[in-house]
Amino acid sequence: LSFFRVPKSVEDKLVHLQRRFLWGGGPDQNKIAWVSWKSVCLPKEKGGLGLKDIKSFNTALLGKWEWNLMHHKGELWAKVL
């Protein structure tokens, strides 16, 4: 999840697993989501459950790599990449 963009199919599957775990139910059951997914992904300090939004998290990690590459060009690991 940190160096490459997650393919859309993998991202969708991860979100599906998160939601199914949180709200329960089987593959043929639909449960009611009592709160929005956006609320669930809020930090605990702001009233959410602190779950990570996979797409936003992957974008943030990619940005972190890009920033590190720009600021550490002379280091060995940056030259290897």
PDB file of N, CA and C in Angstrom:
ATOM      1  N   LEU A   1       0.801  -1.207   0.000  1.00  0.00           N
ATOM      2  CA  LEU A   1       0.000   0.000   0.000  1.00  0.00           C
ATOM      3  C   LEU A   1       0.839   1.265   0.000  1.00  0.00           C
ATOM      4  N   SER A   2       2.149   1.157  -0.002  1.00  0.00           N
ATOM      5  CA  SER A   2       2.885   2.399   0.153  1.00  0.00           C
ATOM      6  C   SER A   2       3.600   2.865  -1.097  1.00  0.00           C
ATOM      7  N   PHE A   3       4.148   1.968  -1.900  1.00  0.00           N
ATOM      8  CA  PHE A   3       4.988   2.416  -3.004  1.00  0.00           C
ATOM      9  C   PHE A   3       4.278   2.391  -4.351  1.00  0.00           C
ATOM     10  N   PHE A   4       3.241   1.588  -4.478  1.00  0.00           N
ATOM     11  CA  PHE A   4       2.495   1.495  -5.727  1.00  0.00           C
ATOM     12  C   PHE A   4       1.031   1.822  -5.466  1.00  0.00           C
ATOM     13  N   ARG A   5       0.384   2.400  -6.468  1.00  0.00           N
ATOM     14  CA  ARG A   5      -1.045   2.663  -6.344  1.00  0.00           C
ATOM     15  C   ARG A   5      -1.775   1.321  -6.345  1.00  0.00           C
ATOM     16  N   VAL A   6      -2.682   1.179  -5.407  1.00  0.00           N
ATOM     17  CA  VAL A   6      -3.451  -0.059  -5.295  1.00  0.00           C
ATOM     18  C   VAL A   6      -4.432  -0.127  -6.469  1.00  0.00           C
ATOM     19  N   PRO A   7      -4.488  -1.255  -7.173  1.00  0.00           N
ATOM     20  CA  PRO A   7      -5.468  -1.387  -8.257  1.00  0.00           C
ATOM     21  C   PRO A   7      -6.893  -1.228  -7.726  1.00  0.00           C
ATOM     22  N   LYS A   8      -7.763  -0.671  -8.548  1.00  0.00           N
ATOM     23  CA  LYS A   8      -9.146  -0.402  -8.147  1.00  0.00           C
ATOM     24  C   LYS A   8      -9.845  -1.666  -7.655  1.00  0.00           C
ATOM     25  N   SER A   9      -9.611  -2.794  -8.290  1.00  0.00           N
ATOM     26  CA  SER A   9     -10.270  -4.037  -7.877  1.00  0.00           C
ATOM     27  C   SER A   9      -9.832  -4.459  -6.474  1.00  0.00           C
ATOM     28  N   VAL A  10      -8.548  -4.290  -6.160  1.00  0.00           N
ATOM     29  CA  VAL A  10      -8.037  -4.637  -4.827  1.00  0.00           C
ATOM     30  C   VAL A  10      -8.590  -3.660  -3.793  1.00  0.00           C
ATOM     31  N   GLU A  11      -8.605  -2.384  -4.149  1.00  0.00           N
ATOM     32  CA  GLU A  11      -9.150  -1.361  -3.254  1.00  0.00           C
ATOM     33  C   GLU A  11     -10.611  -1.659  -2.925  1.00  0.00           C
ATOM     34  N   ASP A  12     -11.403  -1.973  -3.943  1.00  0.00           N
ATOM     35  CA  ASP A  12     -12.822  -2.289  -3.734  1.00  0.00           C
ATOM     36  C   ASP A  12     -12.995  -3.517  -2.844  1.00  0.00           C
ATOM     37  N   LYS A  13     -12.165  -4.529  -3.040  1.00  0.00           N
ATOM     38  CA  LYS A  13     -12.250  -5.750  -2.231  1.00  0.00           C
ATOM     39  C   LYS A  13     -11.904  -5.461  -0.768  1.00  0.00           C
ATOM     40  N   LEU A  14     -10.871  -4.640  -0.533  1.00  0.00           N
ATOM     41  CA  LEU A  14     -10.490  -4.293   0.837  1.00  0.00           C
ATOM     42  C   LEU A  14     -11.600  -3.514   1.541  1.00  0.00           C
ATOM     43  N   VAL A  15     -12.195  -2.562   0.838  1.00  0.00           N
ATOM     44  CA  VAL A  15     -13.298  -1.788   1.413  1.00  0.00           C
ATOM     45  C   VAL A  15     -14.482  -2.712   1.695  1.00  0.00           C
ATOM     46  N   HIS A  16     -14.764  -3.618   0.773  1.00  0.00           N
ATOM     47  CA  HIS A  16     -15.856  -4.579   0.960  1.00  0.00           C
ATOM     48  C   HIS A  16     -15.622  -5.425   2.214  1.00  0.00           C
ATOM     49  N   LEU A  17     -14.398  -5.899   2.411  1.00  0.00           N
ATOM     50  CA  LEU A  17     -14.077  -6.702   3.596  1.00  0.00           C
ATOM     51  C   LEU A  17     -14.207  -5.882   4.875  1.00  0.00           C
ATOM     52  N   GLN A  18     -13.755  -4.634   4.846  1.00  0.00           N
ATOM     53  CA  GLN A  18     -13.884  -3.767   6.019  1.00  0.00           C
ATOM     54  C   GLN A  18     -15.353  -3.579   6.387  1.00  0.00           C
ATOM     55  N   ARG A  19     -16.158  -3.262   5.401  1.00  0.00           N
ATOM     56  CA  ARG A  19     -17.577  -2.995   5.659  1.00  0.00           C
ATOM     57  C   ARG A  19     -18.306  -4.249   6.126  1.00  0.00           C
ATOM     58  N   ARG A  20     -18.000  -5.379   5.517  1.00  0.00           N
ATOM     59  CA  ARG A  20     -18.657  -6.624   5.905  1.00  0.00           C
ATOM     60  C   ARG A  20     -18.285  -7.019   7.329  1.00  0.00           C
ATOM     61  N   PHE A  21     -17.020  -6.795   7.689  1.00  0.00           N
ATOM     62  CA  PHE A  21     -16.600  -7.091   9.056  1.00  0.00           C
ATOM     63  C   PHE A  21     -17.318  -6.176  10.040  1.00  0.00           C
ATOM     64  N   LEU A  22     -17.399  -4.892   9.705  1.00  0.00           N
ATOM     65  CA  LEU A  22     -18.003  -3.921  10.616  1.00  0.00           C
ATOM     66  C   LEU A  22     -19.493  -4.152  10.793  1.00  0.00           C
ATOM     67  N   TRP A  23     -20.211  -4.339   9.706  1.00  0.00           N
ATOM     68  CA  TRP A  23     -21.654  -4.444   9.778  1.00  0.00           C
ATOM     69  C   TRP A  23     -22.166  -5.869   9.758  1.00  0.00           C
ATOM     70  N   GLY A  24     -21.285  -6.836   9.632  1.00  0.00           N
ATOM     71  CA  GLY A  24     -21.688  -8.234   9.672  1.00  0.00           C
ATOM     72  C   GLY A  24     -22.443  -8.656   8.428  1.00  0.00           C
ATOM     73  N   GLY A  25     -23.042  -9.808   8.505  1.00  0.00           N
ATOM     74  CA  GLY A  25     -23.795 -10.320   7.363  1.00  0.00           C
ATOM     75  C   GLY A  25     -22.934 -11.196   6.479  1.00  0.00           C
ATOM     76  N   GLY A  26     -23.588 -12.016   5.722  1.00  0.00           N
ATOM     77  CA  GLY A  26     -22.898 -12.906   4.801  1.00  0.00           C
ATOM     78  C   GLY A  26     -22.962 -12.361   3.388  1.00  0.00           C
ATOM     79  N   PRO A  27     -22.462 -13.145   2.439  1.00  0.00           N
ATOM     80  CA  PRO A  27     -22.446 -12.685   1.051  1.00  0.00           C
ATOM     81  C   PRO A  27     -23.841 -12.441   0.470  1.00  0.00           C
ATOM     82  N   ASP A  28     -24.850 -13.164   0.983  1.00  0.00           N
ATOM     83  CA  ASP A  28     -26.205 -13.001   0.446  1.00  0.00           C
ATOM     84  C   ASP A  28     -27.109 -12.190   1.373  1.00  0.00           C
ATOM     85  N   GLN A  29     -26.539 -11.573   2.404  1.00  0.00           N
ATOM     86  CA  GLN A  29     -27.320 -10.772   3.340  1.00  0.00           C
ATOM     87  C   GLN A  29     -26.941  -9.302   3.211  1.00  0.00           C
ATOM     88  N   ASN A  30     -27.947  -8.449   3.262  1.00  0.00           N
ATOM     89  CA  ASN A  30     -27.714  -7.011   3.290  1.00  0.00           C
ATOM     90  C   ASN A  30     -28.095  -6.487   4.661  1.00  0.00           C
ATOM     91  N   LYS A  31     -27.186  -5.799   5.287  1.00  0.00           N
ATOM     92  CA  LYS A  31     -27.445  -5.205   6.594  1.00  0.00           C
ATOM     93  C   LYS A  31     -27.580  -3.699   6.427  1.00  0.00           C
ATOM     94  N   ILE A  32     -28.237  -3.070   7.364  1.00  0.00           N
ATOM     95  CA  ILE A  32     -28.402  -1.621   7.332  1.00  0.00           C
ATOM     96  C   ILE A  32     -27.151  -0.967   7.903  1.00  0.00           C
ATOM     97  N   ALA A  33     -26.626  -0.001   7.177  1.00  0.00           N
ATOM     98  CA  ALA A  33     -25.493   0.790   7.669  1.00  0.00           C
ATOM     99  C   ALA A  33     -26.079   1.976   8.428  1.00  0.00           C
ATOM    100  N   TRP A  34     -25.932   1.981   9.733  1.00  0.00           N
ATOM    101  CA  TRP A  34     -26.564   2.994  10.567  1.00  0.00           C
ATOM    102  C   TRP A  34     -25.813   4.321  10.557  1.00  0.00           C
ATOM    103  N   VAL A  35     -24.574   4.307  10.143  1.00  0.00           N
ATOM    104  CA  VAL A  35     -23.795   5.545  10.019  1.00  0.00           C
ATOM    105  C   VAL A  35     -23.086   5.526   8.667  1.00  0.00           C
ATOM    106  N   SER A  36     -22.711   6.700   8.200  1.00  0.00           N
ATOM    107  CA  SER A  36     -22.039   6.769   6.902  1.00  0.00           C
ATOM    108  C   SER A  36     -20.610   6.249   7.015  1.00  0.00           C
ATOM    109  N   TRP A  37     -20.086   5.788   5.899  1.00  0.00           N
ATOM    110  CA  TRP A  37     -18.709   5.288   5.868  1.00  0.00           C
ATOM    111  C   TRP A  37     -17.735   6.418   6.191  1.00  0.00           C
ATOM    112  N   LYS A  38     -18.080   7.635   5.760  1.00  0.00           N
ATOM    113  CA  LYS A  38     -17.244   8.802   6.050  1.00  0.00           C
ATOM    114  C   LYS A  38     -17.132   9.006   7.565  1.00  0.00           C
ATOM    115  N   SER A  39     -18.222   8.817   8.293  1.00  0.00           N
ATOM    116  CA  SER A  39     -18.205   8.949   9.753  1.00  0.00           C
ATOM    117  C   SER A  39     -17.376   7.853  10.406  1.00  0.00           C
ATOM    118  N   VAL A  40     -17.442   6.657   9.869  1.00  0.00           N
ATOM    119  CA  VAL A  40     -16.674   5.531  10.406  1.00  0.00           C
ATOM    120  C   VAL A  40     -15.179   5.796  10.263  1.00  0.00           C
ATOM    121  N   CYS A  41     -14.788   6.441   9.163  1.00  0.00           N
ATOM    122  CA  CYS A  41     -13.369   6.697   8.886  1.00  0.00           C
ATOM    123  C   CYS A  41     -12.813   7.907   9.630  1.00  0.00           C
ATOM    124  N   LEU A  42     -13.655   8.644  10.343  1.00  0.00           N
ATOM    125  CA  LEU A  42     -13.158   9.776  11.128  1.00  0.00           C
ATOM    126  C   LEU A  42     -12.282   9.275  12.276  1.00  0.00           C
ATOM    127  N   PRO A  43     -11.321  10.098  12.727  1.00  0.00           N
ATOM    128  CA  PRO A  43     -10.517   9.714  13.891  1.00  0.00           C
ATOM    129  C   PRO A  43     -11.401   9.549  15.133  1.00  0.00           C
ATOM    130  N   LYS A  44     -10.946   8.756  16.064  1.00  0.00           N
ATOM    131  CA  LYS A  44     -11.710   8.521  17.291  1.00  0.00           C
ATOM    132  C   LYS A  44     -11.963   9.815  18.048  1.00  0.00           C
ATOM    133  N   GLU A  45     -10.981  10.734  17.999  1.00  0.00           N
ATOM    134  CA  GLU A  45     -11.113  12.008  18.708  1.00  0.00           C
ATOM    135  C   GLU A  45     -12.262  12.852  18.154  1.00  0.00           C
ATOM    136  N   LYS A  46     -12.651  12.585  16.920  1.00  0.00           N
ATOM    137  CA  LYS A  46     -13.727  13.351  16.284  1.00  0.00           C
ATOM    138  C   LYS A  46     -15.027  12.558  16.217  1.00  0.00           C
ATOM    139  N   GLY A  47     -15.111  11.464  16.966  1.00  0.00           N
ATOM    140  CA  GLY A  47     -16.341  10.693  17.040  1.00  0.00           C
ATOM    141  C   GLY A  47     -16.449   9.526  16.078  1.00  0.00           C
ATOM    142  N   GLY A  48     -15.405   9.253  15.327  1.00  0.00           N
ATOM    143  CA  GLY A  48     -15.419   8.131  14.389  1.00  0.00           C
ATOM    144  C   GLY A  48     -14.835   6.878  15.014  1.00  0.00           C
ATOM    145  N   LEU A  49     -14.644   5.867  14.200  1.00  0.00           N
ATOM    146  CA  LEU A  49     -14.048   4.615  14.672  1.00  0.00           C
ATOM    147  C   LEU A  49     -12.564   4.524  14.356  1.00  0.00           C
ATOM    148  N   GLY A  50     -12.051   5.478  13.598  1.00  0.00           N
ATOM    149  CA  GLY A  50     -10.621   5.507  13.307  1.00  0.00           C
ATOM    150  C   GLY A  50     -10.172   4.544  12.224  1.00  0.00           C
ATOM    151  N   LEU A  51     -11.116   3.992  11.438  1.00  0.00           N
ATOM    152  CA  LEU A  51     -10.718   3.122  10.329  1.00  0.00           C
ATOM    153  C   LEU A  51     -10.110   3.963   9.217  1.00  0.00           C
ATOM    154  N   LYS A  52      -9.179   3.380   8.506  1.00  0.00           N
ATOM    155  CA  LYS A  52      -8.517   4.090   7.410  1.00  0.00           C
ATOM    156  C   LYS A  52      -9.339   3.960   6.129  1.00  0.00           C
ATOM    157  N   ASP A  53      -9.473   5.074   5.424  1.00  0.00           N
ATOM    158  CA  ASP A  53     -10.031   5.050   4.078  1.00  0.00           C
ATOM    159  C   ASP A  53      -8.898   4.597   3.172  1.00  0.00           C
ATOM    160  N   ILE A  54      -9.027   3.427   2.576  1.00  0.00           N
ATOM    161  CA  ILE A  54      -7.941   2.793   1.821  1.00  0.00           C
ATOM    162  C   ILE A  54      -7.415   3.697   0.709  1.00  0.00           C
ATOM    163  N   LYS A  55      -8.303   4.309  -0.053  1.00  0.00           N
ATOM    164  CA  LYS A  55      -7.875   5.146  -1.176  1.00  0.00           C
ATOM    165  C   LYS A  55      -7.085   6.362  -0.682  1.00  0.00           C
ATOM    166  N   SER A  56      -7.597   7.048   0.321  1.00  0.00           N
ATOM    167  CA  SER A  56      -6.904   8.228   0.858  1.00  0.00           C
ATOM    168  C   SER A  56      -5.581   7.841   1.499  1.00  0.00           C
ATOM    169  N   PHE A  57      -5.570   6.715   2.194  1.00  0.00           N
ATOM    170  CA  PHE A  57      -4.352   6.252   2.861  1.00  0.00           C
ATOM    171  C   PHE A  57      -3.270   5.923   1.838  1.00  0.00           C
ATOM    172  N   ASN A  58      -3.645   5.244   0.757  1.00  0.00           N
ATOM    173  CA  ASN A  58      -2.682   4.910  -0.291  1.00  0.00           C
ATOM    174  C   ASN A  58      -2.143   6.172  -0.960  1.00  0.00           C
ATOM    175  N   THR A  59      -3.009   7.141  -1.221  1.00  0.00           N
ATOM    176  CA  THR A  59      -2.579   8.404  -1.823  1.00  0.00           C
ATOM    177  C   THR A  59      -1.605   9.135  -0.905  1.00  0.00           C
ATOM    178  N   ALA A  60      -1.885   9.132   0.396  1.00  0.00           N
ATOM    179  CA  ALA A  60      -0.995   9.789   1.357  1.00  0.00           C
ATOM    180  C   ALA A  60       0.372   9.112   1.400  1.00  0.00           C
ATOM    181  N   LEU A  61       0.394   7.792   1.387  1.00  0.00           N
ATOM    182  CA  LEU A  61       1.671   7.077   1.417  1.00  0.00           C
ATOM    183  C   LEU A  61       2.475   7.300   0.141  1.00  0.00           C
ATOM    184  N   LEU A  62       1.794   7.371  -0.997  1.00  0.00           N
ATOM    185  CA  LEU A  62       2.487   7.668  -2.254  1.00  0.00           C
ATOM    186  C   LEU A  62       3.092   9.068  -2.212  1.00  0.00           C
ATOM    187  N   GLY A  63       2.353  10.016  -1.640  1.00  0.00           N
ATOM    188  CA  GLY A  63       2.868  11.377  -1.494  1.00  0.00           C
ATOM    189  C   GLY A  63       4.068  11.428  -0.572  1.00  0.00           C
ATOM    190  N   LYS A  64       4.039  10.625   0.476  1.00  0.00           N
ATOM    191  CA  LYS A  64       5.170  10.569   1.405  1.00  0.00           C
ATOM    192  C   LYS A  64       6.420  10.052   0.703  1.00  0.00           C
ATOM    193  N   TRP A  65       6.261   9.002  -0.117  1.00  0.00           N
ATOM    194  CA  TRP A  65       7.405   8.479  -0.879  1.00  0.00           C
ATOM    195  C   TRP A  65       7.956   9.533  -1.830  1.00  0.00           C
ATOM    196  N   GLU A  66       7.048  10.227  -2.512  1.00  0.00           N
ATOM    197  CA  GLU A  66       7.477  11.255  -3.465  1.00  0.00           C
ATOM    198  C   GLU A  66       8.254  12.361  -2.752  1.00  0.00           C
ATOM    199  N   TRP A  67       7.749  12.805  -1.609  1.00  0.00           N
ATOM    200  CA  TRP A  67       8.427  13.847  -0.836  1.00  0.00           C
ATOM    201  C   TRP A  67       9.813  13.366  -0.397  1.00  0.00           C
ATOM    202  N   ASN A  68       9.892  12.146   0.115  1.00  0.00           N
ATOM    203  CA  ASN A  68      11.183  11.604   0.558  1.00  0.00           C
ATOM    204  C   ASN A  68      12.170  11.479  -0.597  1.00  0.00           C
ATOM    205  N   LEU A  69      11.693  11.057  -1.755  1.00  0.00           N
ATOM    206  CA  LEU A  69      12.580  10.946  -2.918  1.00  0.00           C
ATOM    207  C   LEU A  69      13.121  12.309  -3.340  1.00  0.00           C
ATOM    208  N   MET A  70      12.290  13.334  -3.266  1.00  0.00           N
ATOM    209  CA  MET A  70      12.724  14.676  -3.664  1.00  0.00           C
ATOM    210  C   MET A  70      13.719  15.275  -2.679  1.00  0.00           C
ATOM    211  N   HIS A  71      13.602  14.926  -1.412  1.00  0.00           N
ATOM    212  CA  HIS A  71      14.446  15.532  -0.384  1.00  0.00           C
ATOM    213  C   HIS A  71      15.653  14.686   0.020  1.00  0.00           C
ATOM    214  N   HIS A  72      15.760  13.477  -0.503  1.00  0.00           N
ATOM    215  CA  HIS A  72      16.878  12.589  -0.166  1.00  0.00           C
ATOM    216  C   HIS A  72      17.473  11.981  -1.434  1.00  0.00           C
ATOM    217  N   LYS A  73      17.684  12.809  -2.438  1.00  0.00           N
ATOM    218  CA  LYS A  73      18.155  12.317  -3.742  1.00  0.00           C
ATOM    219  C   LYS A  73      19.516  11.640  -3.671  1.00  0.00           C
ATOM    220  N   GLY A  74      20.388  12.086  -2.780  1.00  0.00           N
ATOM    221  CA  GLY A  74      21.741  11.554  -2.731  1.00  0.00           C
ATOM    222  C   GLY A  74      21.889  10.247  -1.979  1.00  0.00           C
ATOM    223  N   GLU A  75      20.867   9.831  -1.263  1.00  0.00           N
ATOM    224  CA  GLU A  75      20.978   8.612  -0.459  1.00  0.00           C
ATOM    225  C   GLU A  75      20.850   7.364  -1.333  1.00  0.00           C
ATOM    226  N   LEU A  76      21.450   6.290  -0.866  1.00  0.00           N
ATOM    227  CA  LEU A  76      21.516   5.052  -1.641  1.00  0.00           C
ATOM    228  C   LEU A  76      20.134   4.522  -2.010  1.00  0.00           C
ATOM    229  N   TRP A  77      19.215   4.475  -1.046  1.00  0.00           N
ATOM    230  CA  TRP A  77      17.893   3.923  -1.327  1.00  0.00           C
ATOM    231  C   TRP A  77      17.177   4.730  -2.407  1.00  0.00           C
ATOM    232  N   ALA A  78      17.386   6.047  -2.431  1.00  0.00           N
ATOM    233  CA  ALA A  78      16.750   6.887  -3.449  1.00  0.00           C
ATOM    234  C   ALA A  78      17.369   6.632  -4.821  1.00  0.00           C
ATOM    235  N   LYS A  79      18.680   6.376  -4.846  1.00  0.00           N
ATOM    236  CA  LYS A  79      19.345   6.085  -6.118  1.00  0.00           C
ATOM    237  C   LYS A  79      18.893   4.737  -6.676  1.00  0.00           C
ATOM    238  N   VAL A  80      18.639   3.782  -5.793  1.00  0.00           N
ATOM    239  CA  VAL A  80      18.194   2.454  -6.220  1.00  0.00           C
ATOM    240  C   VAL A  80      16.802   2.536  -6.842  1.00  0.00           C
ATOM    241  N   LEU A  81      15.958   3.375  -6.264  1.00  0.00           N
ATOM    242  CA  LEU A  81      14.604   3.515  -6.802  1.00  0.00           C
ATOM    243  C   LEU A  81      14.632   4.341  -8.058  1.00  0.00           C
TER     244      LEU A  81
END
